[in-house]
Amino acid sequence: MKEQLRGGFSNFVNFVRERGVMGLAIGFVLGTSVQKVVTAFVNDIVNPFINIFLGRAESFSKFTVGPFAIGDFVSVSIDFLVLLALIYFVFRLLRLDKLDKPKEE
C-alpha cells in the first residue's frame, strides 16, 4: 500500500513538473494581481477622462444611451482591452511565446 502511495505521489510530482502546473498557478496569482491594478487604472484614470470628454461629472457607470445603461459594460470592456494589450506586449517584450515548446518524445 505504501509503495502504491509513493508511486502515485511520484507520478503526481512528475506530472506537475512536466506540465508546468506550478507556472500556471504562479501565472494565475500574478494575473489576478495585474487585473486588480488594471481595473484600478481604468476606474481611477481612464473613466474620469471619458467623463470629461462626455461632459459628465457623475460616475461613468451611470452612463446611459436611451433606456440602456451601458456604462458598466463599456467600463468592463475598456478594462478587458487594457489588460489584453498589457499581457500581449509583456509576453512579446519578454519573448515568453518562445518558451512554450512541445515535449519531444
PDB file of N, CA and C in Angstrom:
ATOM      1  N   MET A   1       0.817  -1.192   0.000  1.00  0.00           N
ATOM      2  CA  MET A   1       0.000   0.000   0.000  1.00  0.00           C
ATOM      3  C   MET A   1       0.860   1.255   0.000  1.00  0.00           C
ATOM      4  N   LYS A   2       1.929   1.256   0.830  1.00  0.00           N
ATOM      5  CA  LYS A   2       2.812   2.415   0.876  1.00  0.00           C
ATOM      6  C   LYS A   2       3.524   2.629  -0.460  1.00  0.00           C
ATOM      7  N   GLU A   3       3.878   1.532  -1.115  1.00  0.00           N
ATOM      8  CA  GLU A   3       4.560   1.635  -2.417  1.00  0.00           C
ATOM      9  C   GLU A   3       3.636   2.253  -3.464  1.00  0.00           C
ATOM     10  N   GLN A   4       2.367   1.873  -3.440  1.00  0.00           N
ATOM     11  CA  GLN A   4       1.404   2.449  -4.372  1.00  0.00           C
ATOM     12  C   GLN A   4       1.224   3.932  -4.097  1.00  0.00           C
ATOM     13  N   LEU A   5       1.177   4.308  -2.847  1.00  0.00           N
ATOM     14  CA  LEU A   5       1.028   5.702  -2.466  1.00  0.00           C
ATOM     15  C   LEU A   5       2.244   6.506  -2.900  1.00  0.00           C
ATOM     16  N   ARG A   6       3.441   5.967  -2.660  1.00  0.00           N
ATOM     17  CA  ARG A   6       4.667   6.652  -3.096  1.00  0.00           C
ATOM     18  C   ARG A   6       4.726   6.753  -4.614  1.00  0.00           C
ATOM     19  N   GLY A   7       4.354   5.668  -5.294  1.00  0.00           N
ATOM     20  CA  GLY A   7       4.354   5.684  -6.755  1.00  0.00           C
ATOM     21  C   GLY A   7       3.356   6.689  -7.301  1.00  0.00           C
ATOM     22  N   GLY A   8       2.186   6.763  -6.679  1.00  0.00           N
ATOM     23  CA  GLY A   8       1.174   7.736  -7.092  1.00  0.00           C
ATOM     24  C   GLY A   8       1.638   9.158  -6.864  1.00  0.00           C
ATOM     25  N   PHE A   9       2.268   9.390  -5.720  1.00  0.00           N
ATOM     26  CA  PHE A   9       2.785  10.722  -5.419  1.00  0.00           C
ATOM     27  C   PHE A   9       3.910  11.083  -6.374  1.00  0.00           C
ATOM     28  N   SER A  10       4.773  10.130  -6.681  1.00  0.00           N
ATOM     29  CA  SER A  10       5.862  10.360  -7.620  1.00  0.00           C
ATOM     30  C   SER A  10       5.318  10.699  -9.013  1.00  0.00           C
ATOM     31  N   ASN A  11       4.290   9.974  -9.428  1.00  0.00           N
ATOM     32  CA  ASN A  11       3.666  10.281 -10.716  1.00  0.00           C
ATOM     33  C   ASN A  11       3.041  11.669 -10.723  1.00  0.00           C
ATOM     34  N   PHE A  12       2.435  12.043  -9.597  1.00  0.00           N
ATOM     35  CA  PHE A  12       1.843  13.370  -9.487  1.00  0.00           C
ATOM     36  C   PHE A  12       2.916  14.457  -9.582  1.00  0.00           C
ATOM     37  N   VAL A  13       4.027  14.264  -8.885  1.00  0.00           N
ATOM     38  CA  VAL A  13       5.116  15.239  -8.918  1.00  0.00           C
ATOM     39  C   VAL A  13       5.672  15.358 -10.341  1.00  0.00           C
ATOM     40  N   ASN A  14       5.844  14.236 -11.020  1.00  0.00           N
ATOM     41  CA  ASN A  14       6.320  14.279 -12.407  1.00  0.00           C
ATOM     42  C   ASN A  14       5.327  15.004 -13.310  1.00  0.00           C
ATOM     43  N   PHE A  15       4.038  14.779 -13.092  1.00  0.00           N
ATOM     44  CA  PHE A  15       3.017  15.469 -13.876  1.00  0.00           C
ATOM     45  C   PHE A  15       3.110  16.975 -13.668  1.00  0.00           C
ATOM     46  N   VAL A  16       3.253  17.390 -12.412  1.00  0.00           N
ATOM     47  CA  VAL A  16       3.353  18.826 -12.113  1.00  0.00           C
ATOM     48  C   VAL A  16       4.585  19.419 -12.783  1.00  0.00           C
ATOM     49  N   ARG A  17       5.701  18.719 -12.751  1.00  0.00           N
ATOM     50  CA  ARG A  17       6.938  19.219 -13.363  1.00  0.00           C
ATOM     51  C   ARG A  17       6.829  19.287 -14.876  1.00  0.00           C
ATOM     52  N   GLU A  18       6.307  18.244 -15.496  1.00  0.00           N
ATOM     53  CA  GLU A  18       6.257  18.175 -16.952  1.00  0.00           C
ATOM     54  C   GLU A  18       5.223  19.114 -17.553  1.00  0.00           C
ATOM     55  N   ARG A  19       4.112  19.269 -16.909  1.00  0.00           N
ATOM     56  CA  ARG A  19       3.021  20.068 -17.468  1.00  0.00           C
ATOM     57  C   ARG A  19       3.087  21.538 -17.077  1.00  0.00           C
ATOM     58  N   GLY A  20       3.991  21.913 -16.218  1.00  0.00           N
ATOM     59  CA  GLY A  20       4.124  23.312 -15.835  1.00  0.00           C
ATOM     60  C   GLY A  20       2.983  23.812 -14.969  1.00  0.00           C
ATOM     61  N   VAL A  21       2.450  22.961 -14.116  1.00  0.00           N
ATOM     62  CA  VAL A  21       1.323  23.344 -13.276  1.00  0.00           C
ATOM     63  C   VAL A  21       1.725  24.450 -12.306  1.00  0.00           C
ATOM     64  N   MET A  22       2.940  24.399 -11.792  1.00  0.00           N
ATOM     65  CA  MET A  22       3.385  25.457 -10.866  1.00  0.00           C
ATOM     66  C   MET A  22       3.456  26.790 -11.588  1.00  0.00           C
ATOM     67  N   GLY A  23       3.960  26.774 -12.810  1.00  0.00           N
ATOM     68  CA  GLY A  23       3.987  28.008 -13.599  1.00  0.00           C
ATOM     69  C   GLY A  23       2.591  28.534 -13.854  1.00  0.00           C
ATOM     70  N   LEU A  24       1.654  27.635 -14.090  1.00  0.00           N
ATOM     71  CA  LEU A  24       0.263  28.026 -14.288  1.00  0.00           C
ATOM     72  C   LEU A  24      -0.305  28.650 -13.018  1.00  0.00           C
ATOM     73  N   ALA A  25      -0.012  28.055 -11.880  1.00  0.00           N
ATOM     74  CA  ALA A  25      -0.506  28.591 -10.606  1.00  0.00           C
ATOM     75  C   ALA A  25       0.085  29.974 -10.325  1.00  0.00           C
ATOM     76  N   ILE A  26       1.376  30.118 -10.561  1.00  0.00           N
ATOM     77  CA  ILE A  26       2.022  31.416 -10.358  1.00  0.00           C
ATOM     78  C   ILE A  26       1.450  32.443 -11.322  1.00  0.00           C
ATOM     79  N   GLY A  27       1.252  32.034 -12.569  1.00  0.00           N
ATOM     80  CA  GLY A  27       0.665  32.935 -13.558  1.00  0.00           C
ATOM     81  C   GLY A  27      -0.747  33.355 -13.184  1.00  0.00           C
ATOM     82  N   PHE A  28      -1.498  32.436 -12.611  1.00  0.00           N
ATOM     83  CA  PHE A  28      -2.858  32.761 -12.180  1.00  0.00           C
ATOM     84  C   PHE A  28      -2.842  33.808 -11.074  1.00  0.00           C
ATOM     85  N   VAL A  29      -1.973  33.632 -10.098  1.00  0.00           N
ATOM     86  CA  VAL A  29      -1.884  34.587  -8.988  1.00  0.00           C
ATOM     87  C   VAL A  29      -1.409  35.952  -9.493  1.00  0.00           C
ATOM     88  N   LEU A  30      -0.380  35.963 -10.319  1.00  0.00           N
ATOM     89  CA  LEU A  30       0.113  37.230 -10.863  1.00  0.00           C
ATOM     90  C   LEU A  30      -0.925  37.877 -11.773  1.00  0.00           C
ATOM     91  N   GLY A  31      -1.627  37.067 -12.539  1.00  0.00           N
ATOM     92  CA  GLY A  31      -2.668  37.609 -13.416  1.00  0.00           C
ATOM     93  C   GLY A  31      -3.779  38.278 -12.634  1.00  0.00           C
ATOM     94  N   THR A  32      -4.140  37.695 -11.518  1.00  0.00           N
ATOM     95  CA  THR A  32      -5.164  38.295 -10.659  1.00  0.00           C
ATOM     96  C   THR A  32      -4.685  39.635 -10.115  1.00  0.00           C
ATOM     97  N   SER A  33      -3.424  39.695  -9.726  1.00  0.00           N
ATOM     98  CA  SER A  33      -2.860  40.950  -9.211  1.00  0.00           C
ATOM     99  C   SER A  33      -2.807  42.014 -10.302  1.00  0.00           C
ATOM    100  N   VAL A  34      -2.378  41.624 -11.491  1.00  0.00           N
ATOM    101  CA  VAL A  34      -2.309  42.576 -12.605  1.00  0.00           C
ATOM    102  C   VAL A  34      -3.708  43.057 -12.958  1.00  0.00           C
ATOM    103  N   GLN A  35      -4.688  42.164 -12.898  1.00  0.00           N
ATOM    104  CA  GLN A  35      -6.062  42.564 -13.200  1.00  0.00           C
ATOM    105  C   GLN A  35      -6.546  43.631 -12.223  1.00  0.00           C
ATOM    106  N   LYS A  36      -6.201  43.495 -10.958  1.00  0.00           N
ATOM    107  CA  LYS A  36      -6.606  44.496  -9.970  1.00  0.00           C
ATOM    108  C   LYS A  36      -5.977  45.851 -10.270  1.00  0.00           C
ATOM    109  N   VAL A  37      -4.712  45.843 -10.663  1.00  0.00           N
ATOM    110  CA  VAL A  37      -4.028  47.096 -10.995  1.00  0.00           C
ATOM    111  C   VAL A  37      -4.668  47.734 -12.228  1.00  0.00           C
ATOM    112  N   VAL A  38      -4.941  46.929 -13.244  1.00  0.00           N
ATOM    113  CA  VAL A  38      -5.553  47.453 -14.467  1.00  0.00           C
ATOM    114  C   VAL A  38      -6.956  47.969 -14.181  1.00  0.00           C
ATOM    115  N   THR A  39      -7.717  47.265 -13.365  1.00  0.00           N
ATOM    116  CA  THR A  39      -9.063  47.724 -13.018  1.00  0.00           C
ATOM    117  C   THR A  39      -9.002  49.063 -12.291  1.00  0.00           C
ATOM    118  N   ALA A  40      -8.064  49.214 -11.374  1.00  0.00           N
ATOM    119  CA  ALA A  40      -7.906  50.492 -10.675  1.00  0.00           C
ATOM    120  C   ALA A  40      -7.499  51.585 -11.654  1.00  0.00           C
ATOM    121  N   PHE A  41      -6.617  51.274 -12.596  1.00  0.00           N
ATOM    122  CA  PHE A  41      -6.192  52.244 -13.609  1.00  0.00           C
ATOM    123  C   PHE A  41      -7.380  52.701 -14.446  1.00  0.00           C
ATOM    124  N   VAL A  42      -8.171  51.756 -14.901  1.00  0.00           N
ATOM    125  CA  VAL A  42      -9.322  52.106 -15.738  1.00  0.00           C
ATOM    126  C   VAL A  42     -10.349  52.899 -14.938  1.00  0.00           C
ATOM    127  N   ASN A  43     -10.657  52.451 -13.726  1.00  0.00           N
ATOM    128  CA  ASN A  43     -11.681  53.133 -12.931  1.00  0.00           C
ATOM    129  C   ASN A  43     -11.240  54.505 -12.435  1.00  0.00           C
ATOM    130  N   ASP A  44      -9.951  54.654 -12.100  1.00  0.00           N
ATOM    131  CA  ASP A  44      -9.487  55.896 -11.486  1.00  0.00           C
ATOM    132  C   ASP A  44      -8.883  56.891 -12.471  1.00  0.00           C
ATOM    133  N   ILE A  45      -8.423  56.427 -13.624  1.00  0.00           N
ATOM    134  CA  ILE A  45      -7.757  57.331 -14.567  1.00  0.00           C
ATOM    135  C   ILE A  45      -8.488  57.400 -15.904  1.00  0.00           C
ATOM    136  N   VAL A  46      -8.761  56.264 -16.524  1.00  0.00           N
ATOM    137  CA  VAL A  46      -9.365  56.268 -17.860  1.00  0.00           C
ATOM    138  C   VAL A  46     -10.812  56.758 -17.806  1.00  0.00           C
ATOM    139  N   ASN A  47     -11.613  56.198 -16.922  1.00  0.00           N
ATOM    140  CA  ASN A  47     -13.023  56.583 -16.858  1.00  0.00           C
ATOM    141  C   ASN A  47     -13.233  58.064 -16.544  1.00  0.00           C
ATOM    142  N   PRO A  48     -12.473  58.685 -15.625  1.00  0.00           N
ATOM    143  CA  PRO A  48     -12.651  60.132 -15.433  1.00  0.00           C
ATOM    144  C   PRO A  48     -12.343  60.947 -16.686  1.00  0.00           C
ATOM    145  N   PHE A  49     -11.353  60.519 -17.477  1.00  0.00           N
ATOM    146  CA  PHE A  49     -11.087  61.228 -18.727  1.00  0.00           C
ATOM    147  C   PHE A  49     -12.251  61.081 -19.705  1.00  0.00           C
ATOM    148  N   ILE A  50     -12.858  59.909 -19.732  1.00  0.00           N
ATOM    149  CA  ILE A  50     -14.028  59.713 -20.585  1.00  0.00           C
ATOM    150  C   ILE A  50     -15.182  60.583 -20.083  1.00  0.00           C
ATOM    151  N   ASN A  51     -15.326  60.697 -18.770  1.00  0.00           N
ATOM    152  CA  ASN A  51     -16.365  61.564 -18.213  1.00  0.00           C
ATOM    153  C   ASN A  51     -16.147  63.009 -18.608  1.00  0.00           C
ATOM    154  N   ILE A  52     -14.909  63.462 -18.594  1.00  0.00           N
ATOM    155  CA  ILE A  52     -14.605  64.836 -19.012  1.00  0.00           C
ATOM    156  C   ILE A  52     -14.955  65.005 -20.487  1.00  0.00           C
ATOM    157  N   PHE A  53     -14.610  64.013 -21.294  1.00  0.00           N
ATOM    158  CA  PHE A  53     -14.896  64.072 -22.718  1.00  0.00           C
ATOM    159  C   PHE A  53     -16.404  64.116 -22.972  1.00  0.00           C
ATOM    160  N   LEU A  54     -17.164  63.370 -22.192  1.00  0.00           N
ATOM    161  CA  LEU A  54     -18.614  63.342 -22.355  1.00  0.00           C
ATOM    162  C   LEU A  54     -19.300  64.521 -21.664  1.00  0.00           C
ATOM    163  N   GLY A  55     -18.535  65.282 -20.878  1.00  0.00           N
ATOM    164  CA  GLY A  55     -19.114  66.427 -20.174  1.00  0.00           C
ATOM    165  C   GLY A  55     -19.949  66.052 -18.973  1.00  0.00           C
ATOM    166  N   ARG A  56     -19.631  64.951 -18.353  1.00  0.00           N
ATOM    167  CA  ARG A  56     -20.365  64.487 -17.179  1.00  0.00           C
ATOM    168  C   ARG A  56     -19.455  64.516 -15.960  1.00  0.00           C
ATOM    169  N   ALA A  57     -20.007  64.870 -14.828  1.00  0.00           N
ATOM    170  CA  ALA A  57     -19.243  64.854 -13.586  1.00  0.00           C
ATOM    171  C   ALA A  57     -19.561  63.619 -12.755  1.00  0.00           C
ATOM    172  N   GLU A  58     -20.641  62.942 -13.102  1.00  0.00           N
ATOM    173  CA  GLU A  58     -21.046  61.777 -12.316  1.00  0.00           C
ATOM    174  C   GLU A  58     -20.270  60.534 -12.749  1.00  0.00           C
ATOM    175  N   SER A  59     -20.557  59.463 -12.116  1.00  0.00           N
ATOM    176  CA  SER A  59     -19.867  58.204 -12.373  1.00  0.00           C
ATOM    177  C   SER A  59     -20.145  57.700 -13.783  1.00  0.00           C
ATOM    178  N   PHE A  60     -19.116  57.164 -14.411  1.00  0.00           N
ATOM    179  CA  PHE A  60     -19.243  56.628 -15.762  1.00  0.00           C
ATOM    180  C   PHE A  60     -20.163  55.418 -15.796  1.00  0.00           C
ATOM    181  N   SER A  61     -20.291  54.717 -14.684  1.00  0.00           N
ATOM    182  CA  SER A  61     -21.133  53.524 -14.644  1.00  0.00           C
ATOM    183  C   SER A  61     -22.612  53.870 -14.817  1.00  0.00           C
ATOM    184  N   LYS A  62     -22.975  55.114 -14.628  1.00  0.00           N
ATOM    185  CA  LYS A  62     -24.375  55.528 -14.784  1.00  0.00           C
ATOM    186  C   LYS A  62     -24.656  56.099 -16.166  1.00  0.00           C
ATOM    187  N   PHE A  63     -23.705  55.950 -17.082  1.00  0.00           N
ATOM    188  CA  PHE A  63     -23.888  56.449 -18.448  1.00  0.00           C
ATOM    189  C   PHE A  63     -24.962  55.627 -19.154  1.00  0.00           C
ATOM    190  N   THR A  64     -25.905  56.305 -19.770  1.00  0.00           N
ATOM    191  CA  THR A  64     -26.991  55.615 -20.465  1.00  0.00           C
ATOM    192  C   THR A  64     -27.122  56.136 -21.884  1.00  0.00           C
ATOM    193  N   VAL A  65     -27.597  55.267 -22.743  1.00  0.00           N
ATOM    194  CA  VAL A  65     -27.981  55.633 -24.104  1.00  0.00           C
ATOM    195  C   VAL A  65     -29.435  55.225 -24.236  1.00  0.00           C
ATOM    196  N   GLY A  66     -30.303  56.229 -24.196  1.00  0.00           N
ATOM    197  CA  GLY A  66     -31.734  55.932 -24.183  1.00  0.00           C
ATOM    198  C   GLY A  66     -32.079  55.166 -22.923  1.00  0.00           C
ATOM    199  N   PRO A  67     -32.793  54.066 -23.056  1.00  0.00           N
ATOM    200  CA  PRO A  67     -33.159  53.287 -21.860  1.00  0.00           C
ATOM    201  C   PRO A  67     -32.080  52.297 -21.415  1.00  0.00           C
ATOM    202  N   PHE A  68     -30.969  52.255 -22.142  1.00  0.00           N
ATOM    203  CA  PHE A  68     -29.933  51.257 -21.863  1.00  0.00           C
ATOM    204  C   PHE A  68     -28.817  51.847 -21.019  1.00  0.00           C
ATOM    205  N   ALA A  69     -28.547  51.234 -19.878  1.00  0.00           N
ATOM    206  CA  ALA A  69     -27.438  51.633 -19.022  1.00  0.00           C
ATOM    207  C   ALA A  69     -26.203  50.852 -19.473  1.00  0.00           C
ATOM    208  N   ILE A  70     -25.358  51.478 -20.274  1.00  0.00           N
ATOM    209  CA  ILE A  70     -24.210  50.765 -20.845  1.00  0.00           C
ATOM    210  C   ILE A  70     -22.889  51.151 -20.208  1.00  0.00           C
ATOM    211  N   GLY A  71     -22.905  52.007 -19.206  1.00  0.00           N
ATOM    212  CA  GLY A  71     -21.680  52.484 -18.586  1.00  0.00           C
ATOM    213  C   GLY A  71     -20.824  51.379 -18.006  1.00  0.00           C
ATOM    214  N   ASP A  72     -21.424  50.458 -17.250  1.00  0.00           N
ATOM    215  CA  ASP A  72     -20.660  49.354 -16.669  1.00  0.00           C
ATOM    216  C   ASP A  72     -20.075  48.455 -17.746  1.00  0.00           C
ATOM    217  N   PHE A  73     -20.861  48.167 -18.771  1.00  0.00           N
ATOM    218  CA  PHE A  73     -20.375  47.311 -19.861  1.00  0.00           C
ATOM    219  C   PHE A  73     -19.193  47.959 -20.573  1.00  0.00           C
ATOM    220  N   VAL A  74     -19.292  49.243 -20.859  1.00  0.00           N
ATOM    221  CA  VAL A  74     -18.191  49.943 -21.530  1.00  0.00           C
ATOM    222  C   VAL A  74     -16.967  49.973 -20.628  1.00  0.00           C
ATOM    223  N   SER A  75     -17.159  50.205 -19.347  1.00  0.00           N
ATOM    224  CA  SER A  75     -16.044  50.238 -18.402  1.00  0.00           C
ATOM    225  C   SER A  75     -15.338  48.891 -18.327  1.00  0.00           C
ATOM    226  N   VAL A  76     -16.098  47.805 -18.243  1.00  0.00           N
ATOM    227  CA  VAL A  76     -15.508  46.464 -18.187  1.00  0.00           C
ATOM    228  C   VAL A  76     -14.835  46.130 -19.521  1.00  0.00           C
ATOM    229  N   SER A  77     -15.410  46.581 -20.631  1.00  0.00           N
ATOM    230  CA  SER A  77     -14.803  46.346 -21.945  1.00  0.00           C
ATOM    231  C   SER A  77     -13.463  47.067 -22.069  1.00  0.00           C
ATOM    232  N   ILE A  78     -13.394  48.294 -21.594  1.00  0.00           N
ATOM    233  CA  ILE A  78     -12.137  49.041 -21.603  1.00  0.00           C
ATOM    234  C   ILE A  78     -11.118  48.339 -20.708  1.00  0.00           C
ATOM    235  N   ASP A  79     -11.556  47.899 -19.557  1.00  0.00           N
ATOM    236  CA  ASP A  79     -10.708  47.159 -18.625  1.00  0.00           C
ATOM    237  C   ASP A  79     -10.130  45.920 -19.311  1.00  0.00           C
ATOM    238  N   PHE A  80     -10.966  45.164 -20.002  1.00  0.00           N
ATOM    239  CA  PHE A  80     -10.532  43.966 -20.708  1.00  0.00           C
ATOM    240  C   PHE A  80      -9.520  44.300 -21.803  1.00  0.00           C
ATOM    241  N   LEU A  81      -9.775  45.336 -22.576  1.00  0.00           N
ATOM    242  CA  LEU A  81      -8.868  45.693 -23.670  1.00  0.00           C
ATOM    243  C   LEU A  81      -7.504  46.160 -23.157  1.00  0.00           C
ATOM    244  N   VAL A  82      -7.503  46.925 -22.080  1.00  0.00           N
ATOM    245  CA  VAL A  82      -6.230  47.367 -21.497  1.00  0.00           C
ATOM    246  C   VAL A  82      -5.455  46.163 -20.962  1.00  0.00           C
ATOM    247  N   LEU A  83      -6.126  45.250 -20.276  1.00  0.00           N
ATOM    248  CA  LEU A  83      -5.476  44.046 -19.757  1.00  0.00           C
ATOM    249  C   LEU A  83      -4.962  43.175 -20.891  1.00  0.00           C
ATOM    250  N   LEU A  84      -5.733  43.017 -21.930  1.00  0.00           N
ATOM    251  CA  LEU A  84      -5.323  42.231 -23.094  1.00  0.00           C
ATOM    252  C   LEU A  84      -4.076  42.819 -23.744  1.00  0.00           C
ATOM    253  N   ALA A  85      -4.066  44.126 -23.938  1.00  0.00           N
ATOM    254  CA  ALA A  85      -2.902  44.785 -24.539  1.00  0.00           C
ATOM    255  C   ALA A  85      -1.678  44.651 -23.641  1.00  0.00           C
ATOM    256  N   LEU A  86      -1.855  44.818 -22.345  1.00  0.00           N
ATOM    257  CA  LEU A  86      -0.744  44.704 -21.405  1.00  0.00           C
ATOM    258  C   LEU A  86      -0.142  43.307 -21.438  1.00  0.00           C
ATOM    259  N   ILE A  87      -0.971  42.289 -21.395  1.00  0.00           N
ATOM    260  CA  ILE A  87      -0.470  40.911 -21.435  1.00  0.00           C
ATOM    261  C   ILE A  87       0.237  40.636 -22.748  1.00  0.00           C
ATOM    262  N   TYR A  88      -0.344  41.068 -23.854  1.00  0.00           N
ATOM    263  CA  TYR A  88       0.262  40.833 -25.167  1.00  0.00           C
ATOM    264  C   TYR A  88       1.656  41.468 -25.258  1.00  0.00           C
ATOM    265  N   PHE A  89       1.762  42.734 -24.875  1.00  0.00           N
ATOM    266  CA  PHE A  89       3.039  43.421 -25.009  1.00  0.00           C
ATOM    267  C   PHE A  89       4.090  42.913 -24.028  1.00  0.00           C
ATOM    268  N   VAL A  90       3.684  42.514 -22.830  1.00  0.00           N
ATOM    269  CA  VAL A  90       4.646  41.950 -21.878  1.00  0.00           C
ATOM    270  C   VAL A  90       5.166  40.616 -22.392  1.00  0.00           C
ATOM    271  N   PHE A  91       4.278  39.779 -22.914  1.00  0.00           N
ATOM    272  CA  PHE A  91       4.723  38.498 -23.462  1.00  0.00           C
ATOM    273  C   PHE A  91       5.653  38.698 -24.645  1.00  0.00           C
ATOM    274  N   ARG A  92       5.353  39.656 -25.505  1.00  0.00           N
ATOM    275  CA  ARG A  92       6.215  39.915 -26.658  1.00  0.00           C
ATOM    276  C   ARG A  92       7.556  40.511 -26.215  1.00  0.00           C
ATOM    277  N   LEU A  93       7.512  41.435 -25.252  1.00  0.00           N
ATOM    278  CA  LEU A  93       8.729  42.081 -24.769  1.00  0.00           C
ATOM    279  C   LEU A  93       9.669  41.082 -24.111  1.00  0.00           C
ATOM    280  N   LEU A  94       9.122  40.189 -23.294  1.00  0.00           N
ATOM    281  CA  LEU A  94       9.938  39.196 -22.596  1.00  0.00           C
ATOM    282  C   LEU A  94      10.174  37.933 -23.424  1.00  0.00           C
ATOM    283  N   ARG A  95       9.607  37.883 -24.607  1.00  0.00           N
ATOM    284  CA  ARG A  95       9.733  36.734 -25.515  1.00  0.00           C
ATOM    285  C   ARG A  95       9.283  35.432 -24.854  1.00  0.00           C
ATOM    286  N   LEU A  96       8.209  35.523 -24.101  1.00  0.00           N
ATOM    287  CA  LEU A  96       7.684  34.342 -23.415  1.00  0.00           C
ATOM    288  C   LEU A  96       6.983  33.390 -24.373  1.00  0.00           C
ATOM    289  N   ASP A  97       6.617  33.879 -25.556  1.00  0.00           N
ATOM    290  CA  ASP A  97       5.967  33.000 -26.520  1.00  0.00           C
ATOM    291  C   ASP A  97       6.920  31.928 -27.041  1.00  0.00           C
ATOM    292  N   LYS A  98       8.223  32.125 -26.880  1.00  0.00           N
ATOM    293  CA  LYS A  98       9.216  31.144 -27.327  1.00  0.00           C
ATOM    294  C   LYS A  98       9.401  30.012 -26.305  1.00  0.00           C
ATOM    295  N   LEU A  99       8.913  30.200 -25.073  1.00  0.00           N
ATOM    296  CA  LEU A  99       9.110  29.210 -24.025  1.00  0.00           C
ATOM    297  C   LEU A  99       8.193  27.995 -24.164  1.00  0.00           C
ATOM    298  N   ASP A 100       7.051  28.174 -24.776  1.00  0.00           N
ATOM    299  CA  ASP A 100       6.074  27.103 -24.860  1.00  0.00           C
ATOM    300  C   ASP A 100       6.391  26.199 -26.037  1.00  0.00           C
ATOM    301  N   LYS A 101       7.166  25.153 -25.771  1.00  0.00           N
ATOM    302  CA  LYS A 101       7.558  24.203 -26.809  1.00  0.00           C
ATOM    303  C   LYS A 101       7.031  22.831 -26.432  1.00  0.00           C
ATOM    304  N   PRO A 102       6.532  22.090 -27.418  1.00  0.00           N
ATOM    305  CA  PRO A 102       6.026  20.741 -27.106  1.00  0.00           C
ATOM    306  C   PRO A 102       7.145  19.819 -26.663  1.00  0.00           C
ATOM    307  N   LYS A 103       6.807  18.887 -25.802  1.00  0.00           N
ATOM    308  CA  LYS A 103       7.769  17.917 -25.297  1.00  0.00           C
ATOM    309  C   LYS A 103       8.096  16.911 -26.392  1.00  0.00           C
ATOM    310  N   GLU A 104       9.369  16.741 -26.662  1.00  0.00           N
ATOM    311  CA  GLU A 104       9.800  15.792 -27.686  1.00  0.00           C
ATOM    312  C   GLU A 104       9.926  14.403 -27.053  1.00  0.00           C
ATOM    313  N   GLU A 105       9.383  13.419 -27.742  1.00  0.00           N
ATOM    314  CA  GLU A 105       9.410  12.067 -27.176  1.00  0.00           C
ATOM    315  C   GLU A 105      10.359  11.190 -27.936  1.00  0.00           C
TER     316      GLU A 105
END
